[in-house]
Amino acid sequence: MRTKIFRTIALSVGVLLSALYSSAHSAPLNIWEGTGCKAKVTLTPYLAEGSGNTAVIVCPGGSYFWLDKKTEGDDVAQWLQSEGISAFVLEYRVGGIPGFITHYRLVARGNRYPDMLQDVQRSIQLVRENADAYGIDPTRLGVMGFSAGGHLTAMSGIFFDTDVLSATGVHPQVSLRPDFIAPIYPVVSLVDRCTHKRSRRGLLGEGPSISAAMKDSLSLERHVRRDMPPTFLMNCVDDPIVKYRNSELLDSAMTAQGVEHRYVQYRTGGHGFGATPEKTTAEAIAWKNDFLNWLKEILK
């Protein structure tokens, strides 16, 4: 009898947890459905309660070869959602494991720039166009990304008027400029000694496609502009993957251009922790509160 009761309780808890999880996010949508682009790229909404909410498109990292969908995607979105901010996790196109293991993109295009920029611009378009349905304020839409996703985030704020969508048959009637961006421990330079070469290869492809001109054109410290969105930038000095100089280069360029931004650098914390305290230091996880406080300031 006691065993049966325990099984019933366990089943009830399981059903409850399942219901809570399923209600945490809406069904993913294919952002390219009905367009001239045949790619399948998903955007998963994590909607906060109420209406007129701030919203963030979340770009996980993964060297432009794969995506850390949990730590730097779903977990970040759930944290933002718990703070009353609607989040949308973007599974943008990347080179993929085959592209990382082999060099097949020497003979076949595969995924490479500008695919990723197309994906984030299309996501901004869709979220803005459907702001009422999502219960968000279309003038308070930002992009947040981690590592290589931080590079993509910064691209969204620097190249927002670069037309990469018309090639897909899409012609937005809304602004593609984010209202704020948050590159977190981002890849920035493709030319400096601090370059994360794996991300550069994932983004650009193989061989001749990694030309000096392409590396220069996507080294973000060289293309900062005065009218880019307010920016929250964070990294850690002890980052073993993406050298901290990347963020220092971006900070210096934004300072020189007079861009409204906040740069927070921690001594310890590492890389790849997203919003998860267990994966970093007590010092670095403070970025979450720093970001929320900064967001309140710029959205007054």
Protein backbone atom coordinates (compact mmCIF):
# COMPACT_ATOMS: atom_id res chain seq x y z
CA MET A 1 0.00 0.00 0.00
CA ARG A 2 2.78 2.37 1.01
CA THR A 3 4.68 1.55 -2.20
CA LYS A 4 1.60 2.33 -4.27
CA ILE A 5 1.19 5.69 -2.50
CA PHE A 6 4.85 6.56 -3.16
CA ARG A 7 4.44 5.63 -6.84
CA THR A 8 1.34 7.81 -7.09
CA ILE A 9 3.14 10.74 -5.48
CA ALA A 10 6.17 10.27 -7.75
CA LEU A 11 3.94 10.13 -10.83
CA SER A 12 2.08 13.27 -9.74
CA VAL A 13 5.33 15.14 -9.16
CA GLY A 14 6.60 14.02 -12.56
CA VAL A 15 3.44 15.22 -14.28
CA LEU A 16 3.65 18.55 -12.44
CA LEU A 17 7.30 19.07 -13.37
CA SER A 18 6.55 18.15 -16.96
CA ALA A 19 3.70 20.65 -17.05
CA LEU A 20 5.86 23.36 -15.55
CA TYR A 21 8.61 22.69 -18.08
CA SER A 22 6.26 22.61 -21.04
CA SER A 23 4.69 25.89 -19.96
CA ALA A 24 8.13 27.53 -19.64
CA HIS A 25 8.46 27.99 -23.37
CA SER A 26 6.31 28.04 -26.48
CA ALA A 27 6.85 25.74 -29.44
CA PRO A 28 9.96 26.54 -31.49
CA LEU A 29 9.28 28.21 -34.82
CA ASN A 30 11.23 27.85 -38.05
CA ILE A 31 12.21 31.42 -38.84
CA TRP A 32 12.65 30.71 -42.57
CA GLU A 33 9.37 28.94 -43.20
CA GLY A 34 7.59 30.42 -46.22
CA THR A 35 10.65 32.30 -47.48
CA GLY A 36 13.25 31.75 -50.18
CA CYS A 37 15.68 30.33 -47.61
CA LYS A 38 15.48 26.55 -47.24
CA ALA A 39 17.37 26.37 -43.96
CA LYS A 40 15.65 25.16 -40.81
CA VAL A 41 16.55 27.56 -38.03
CA THR A 42 14.53 27.56 -34.83
CA LEU A 43 13.63 30.37 -32.44
CA THR A 44 12.16 29.23 -29.12
CA PRO A 45 10.14 31.78 -27.11
CA TYR A 46 10.30 31.88 -23.31
CA LEU A 47 7.61 34.45 -22.62
CA ALA A 48 7.36 36.34 -19.34
CA GLU A 49 3.94 37.00 -17.86
CA GLY A 50 2.13 40.20 -18.71
CA SER A 51 2.52 42.56 -21.65
CA GLY A 52 4.88 45.30 -22.77
CA ASN A 53 7.85 43.25 -21.57
CA THR A 54 11.49 43.75 -22.46
CA ALA A 55 12.71 40.95 -24.73
CA VAL A 56 16.09 39.39 -25.50
CA ILE A 57 17.16 37.15 -28.37
CA VAL A 58 19.69 34.68 -26.92
CA CYS A 59 22.57 33.40 -29.09
CA PRO A 60 24.42 30.42 -27.55
CA GLY A 61 28.13 29.95 -28.15
CA GLY A 62 30.02 27.06 -29.69
CA SER A 63 32.84 28.38 -31.91
CA TYR A 64 30.42 28.79 -34.84
CA PHE A 65 30.62 24.98 -35.18
CA TRP A 66 28.02 23.85 -32.62
CA LEU A 67 25.71 25.43 -30.04
CA ASP A 68 25.65 25.11 -26.27
CA LYS A 69 21.86 24.98 -26.33
CA LYS A 70 21.42 24.29 -22.61
CA THR A 71 23.91 26.34 -20.57
CA GLU A 72 24.07 29.32 -22.93
CA GLY A 73 20.60 28.92 -24.40
CA ASP A 74 17.69 27.44 -22.47
CA ASP A 75 19.15 28.06 -19.01
CA VAL A 76 19.83 31.71 -19.83
CA ALA A 77 16.33 32.12 -21.27
CA GLN A 78 14.74 30.63 -18.14
CA TRP A 79 16.73 33.02 -15.95
CA LEU A 80 15.65 36.03 -18.02
CA GLN A 81 12.05 34.79 -17.99
CA SER A 82 12.15 34.52 -14.19
CA GLU A 83 13.19 38.19 -14.11
CA GLY A 84 10.18 39.26 -16.17
CA ILE A 85 12.11 39.46 -19.43
CA SER A 86 10.87 37.48 -22.43
CA ALA A 87 13.62 35.50 -24.14
CA PHE A 88 13.95 33.85 -27.54
CA VAL A 89 16.66 31.21 -27.99
CA LEU A 90 18.08 31.28 -31.52
CA GLU A 91 19.64 28.11 -32.91
CA TYR A 92 21.47 29.89 -35.72
CA ARG A 93 23.34 28.10 -38.48
CA VAL A 94 26.85 26.85 -37.70
CA GLY A 95 29.55 24.84 -39.44
CA GLY A 96 28.53 21.65 -37.64
CA ILE A 97 30.52 18.73 -36.30
CA PRO A 98 31.30 17.43 -39.84
CA GLY A 99 32.67 20.85 -40.72
CA PHE A 100 34.82 20.82 -37.60
CA ILE A 101 36.19 17.31 -38.09
CA THR A 102 36.74 17.55 -41.83
CA HIS A 103 37.46 20.27 -44.37
CA TYR A 104 34.52 19.49 -46.64
CA ARG A 105 33.72 23.17 -46.94
CA LEU A 106 36.69 23.44 -49.29
CA VAL A 107 34.49 21.78 -51.93
CA ALA A 108 30.96 22.46 -50.64
CA ARG A 109 29.69 25.71 -49.18
CA GLY A 110 28.10 24.37 -45.99
CA ASN A 111 27.08 26.97 -43.42
CA ARG A 112 29.19 30.10 -43.21
CA TYR A 113 28.89 33.88 -43.09
CA PRO A 114 26.50 35.61 -43.76
CA ASP A 115 24.13 32.78 -42.75
CA MET A 116 24.43 33.59 -39.04
CA LEU A 117 23.82 37.30 -39.54
CA GLN A 118 20.80 36.49 -41.70
CA ASP A 119 19.43 34.32 -38.89
CA VAL A 120 19.74 36.96 -36.18
CA GLN A 121 18.36 39.73 -38.42
CA ARG A 122 15.40 37.57 -39.40
CA SER A 123 14.76 36.83 -35.71
CA ILE A 124 14.76 40.52 -34.83
CA GLN A 125 12.31 41.11 -37.67
CA LEU A 126 9.92 38.35 -36.58
CA VAL A 127 9.94 39.29 -32.90
CA ARG A 128 9.30 42.96 -33.68
CA GLU A 129 6.56 42.19 -36.19
CA ASN A 130 4.81 39.93 -33.67
CA ALA A 131 5.42 42.06 -30.59
CA ASP A 132 1.74 42.27 -29.64
CA ALA A 133 1.27 38.51 -29.86
CA TYR A 134 4.36 37.95 -27.71
CA GLY A 135 3.40 40.63 -25.18
CA ILE A 136 6.61 42.56 -25.64
CA ASP A 137 7.60 46.16 -26.28
CA PRO A 138 9.18 46.29 -29.77
CA THR A 139 11.28 49.29 -28.68
CA ARG A 140 12.90 47.25 -25.90
CA LEU A 141 14.31 44.32 -27.85
CA GLY A 142 17.92 43.29 -27.32
CA VAL A 143 20.35 40.56 -28.33
CA MET A 144 22.55 38.64 -25.89
CA GLY A 145 25.18 36.10 -26.88
CA PHE A 146 28.02 34.06 -25.47
CA SER A 147 31.50 33.44 -26.92
CA ALA A 148 30.97 33.02 -30.69
CA GLY A 149 27.35 33.95 -30.01
CA GLY A 150 28.77 37.14 -28.48
CA HIS A 151 30.46 37.88 -31.80
CA LEU A 152 27.13 37.36 -33.55
CA THR A 153 25.46 39.60 -30.98
CA ALA A 154 27.95 42.38 -31.63
CA MET A 155 27.49 41.91 -35.39
CA SER A 156 23.76 42.45 -34.92
CA GLY A 157 24.50 45.80 -33.31
CA ILE A 158 27.16 46.91 -35.80
CA PHE A 159 25.85 45.59 -39.13
CA PHE A 160 22.13 46.15 -38.52
CA ASP A 161 21.79 48.10 -41.78
CA THR A 162 23.81 45.62 -43.85
CA ASP A 163 21.32 44.03 -46.23
CA VAL A 164 21.80 40.29 -46.00
CA LEU A 165 18.10 39.39 -46.05
CA SER A 166 17.10 40.40 -49.57
CA ALA A 167 19.00 37.38 -50.91
CA THR A 168 16.41 35.22 -49.13
CA GLY A 169 13.50 37.18 -50.57
CA VAL A 170 12.82 38.88 -47.24
CA HIS A 171 12.40 42.66 -47.11
CA PRO A 172 11.70 43.81 -43.53
CA GLN A 173 9.49 46.82 -42.84
CA VAL A 174 10.77 47.14 -39.27
CA SER A 175 14.13 48.28 -37.94
CA LEU A 176 16.74 45.54 -37.52
CA ARG A 177 18.74 47.57 -35.01
CA PRO A 178 18.59 46.02 -31.53
CA ASP A 179 17.74 48.42 -28.72
CA PHE A 180 20.65 47.02 -26.69
CA ILE A 181 23.19 44.23 -26.99
CA ALA A 182 25.07 42.10 -24.47
CA PRO A 183 28.16 40.25 -25.77
CA ILE A 184 29.26 37.94 -22.93
CA TYR A 185 32.90 36.72 -23.00
CA PRO A 186 32.73 37.29 -26.77
CA VAL A 187 34.96 36.47 -29.70
CA VAL A 188 35.74 39.89 -31.21
CA SER A 189 38.83 40.06 -33.41
CA LEU A 190 39.62 37.88 -36.41
CA VAL A 191 43.03 39.51 -37.03
CA ASP A 192 44.65 40.20 -33.66
CA ARG A 193 46.97 37.74 -31.91
CA CYS A 194 44.12 37.06 -29.48
CA THR A 195 41.91 35.67 -32.29
CA HIS A 196 39.98 32.50 -31.47
CA LYS A 197 40.94 30.65 -34.62
CA ARG A 198 38.37 27.88 -34.31
CA SER A 199 35.55 30.42 -34.29
CA ARG A 200 37.10 32.23 -37.23
CA ARG A 201 37.18 29.01 -39.22
CA GLY A 202 33.63 28.13 -38.18
CA LEU A 203 32.38 31.53 -39.31
CA LEU A 204 34.29 31.93 -42.56
CA GLY A 205 34.73 28.40 -43.89
CA GLU A 206 37.89 26.93 -45.35
CA GLY A 207 40.88 27.91 -47.48
CA PRO A 208 40.51 30.97 -49.70
CA SER A 209 37.27 32.01 -47.95
CA ILE A 210 39.40 32.94 -44.93
CA SER A 211 40.91 35.87 -46.81
CA ALA A 212 42.57 38.92 -45.30
CA ALA A 213 39.65 41.03 -46.52
CA MET A 214 37.05 38.79 -44.88
CA LYS A 215 38.98 38.62 -41.61
CA ASP A 216 39.24 42.40 -41.55
CA SER A 217 35.58 42.92 -42.46
CA LEU A 218 34.37 40.85 -39.50
CA SER A 219 36.94 41.95 -36.90
CA LEU A 220 34.44 43.90 -34.87
CA GLU A 221 36.87 46.23 -33.11
CA ARG A 222 37.55 47.75 -36.54
CA HIS A 223 33.89 48.48 -37.33
CA VAL A 224 32.43 49.98 -34.17
CA ARG A 225 30.09 52.87 -34.98
CA ARG A 226 28.69 55.74 -32.96
CA ASP A 227 25.07 54.74 -33.61
CA MET A 228 25.35 51.15 -32.44
CA PRO A 229 23.05 50.19 -29.54
CA PRO A 230 23.96 50.57 -25.86
CA THR A 231 26.20 47.64 -25.01
CA PHE A 232 26.84 45.51 -21.92
CA LEU A 233 30.19 43.73 -22.28
CA MET A 234 31.62 41.15 -19.88
CA ASN A 235 34.52 38.72 -19.70
CA CYS A 236 37.03 37.13 -17.31
CA VAL A 237 40.80 37.56 -17.28
CA ASP A 238 41.34 33.84 -16.64
CA ASP A 239 39.23 32.80 -19.67
CA PRO A 240 41.11 29.77 -21.09
CA ILE A 241 39.21 29.70 -24.39
CA VAL A 242 38.67 33.23 -25.72
CA LYS A 243 41.48 35.53 -24.62
CA TYR A 244 40.31 38.48 -22.56
CA ARG A 245 42.01 40.93 -24.92
CA ASN A 246 39.07 40.41 -27.30
CA SER A 247 36.75 42.31 -24.98
CA GLU A 248 39.38 44.94 -24.21
CA LEU A 249 39.69 45.67 -27.94
CA LEU A 250 35.93 46.11 -28.25
CA ASP A 251 35.77 48.26 -25.12
CA SER A 252 38.54 50.53 -26.41
CA ALA A 253 36.88 50.90 -29.81
CA MET A 254 33.50 51.74 -28.26
CA THR A 255 35.12 54.24 -25.91
CA ALA A 256 36.88 55.94 -28.83
CA GLN A 257 33.58 56.19 -30.72
CA GLY A 258 31.60 57.41 -27.74
CA VAL A 259 29.27 54.40 -27.71
CA GLU A 260 27.12 54.09 -24.58
CA HIS A 261 28.38 50.94 -22.91
CA ARG A 262 29.42 49.22 -19.73
CA TYR A 263 32.42 46.91 -19.64
CA VAL A 264 32.70 44.57 -16.65
CA GLN A 265 35.85 42.49 -16.34
CA TYR A 266 36.28 39.84 -13.64
CA ARG A 267 39.59 38.37 -12.52
CA THR A 268 38.20 34.84 -12.27
CA GLY A 269 35.32 32.95 -13.82
CA GLY A 270 36.57 31.12 -16.87
CA HIS A 271 34.41 30.58 -19.93
CA GLY A 272 31.19 28.93 -21.02
CA PHE A 273 29.18 29.34 -17.82
CA GLY A 274 26.22 31.30 -19.11
CA ALA A 275 23.92 32.10 -16.19
CA THR A 276 24.83 28.98 -14.17
CA PRO A 277 26.51 29.68 -10.79
CA GLU A 278 27.89 26.14 -10.48
CA LYS A 279 29.97 26.59 -13.64
CA THR A 280 31.86 29.72 -12.60
CA THR A 281 33.01 31.75 -9.60
CA ALA A 282 30.98 33.80 -7.16
CA GLU A 283 32.79 36.83 -8.58
CA ALA A 284 31.81 36.25 -12.21
CA ILE A 285 28.20 35.15 -11.70
CA ALA A 286 27.57 38.66 -10.41
CA TRP A 287 27.35 39.64 -14.08
CA LYS A 288 23.67 38.69 -13.96
CA ASN A 289 22.81 41.38 -11.42
CA ASP A 290 25.17 43.83 -13.11
CA PHE A 291 23.35 43.29 -16.39
CA LEU A 292 19.88 43.63 -14.86
CA ASN A 293 20.86 46.85 -13.08
CA TRP A 294 22.41 48.25 -16.27
CA LEU A 295 19.29 47.33 -18.24
CA LYS A 296 17.08 49.21 -15.80
CA GLU A 297 19.29 52.27 -16.20
CA ILE A 298 19.23 52.39 -20.00
CA LEU A 299 15.50 51.62 -20.28
CA LYS A 300 14.34 54.33 -17.87
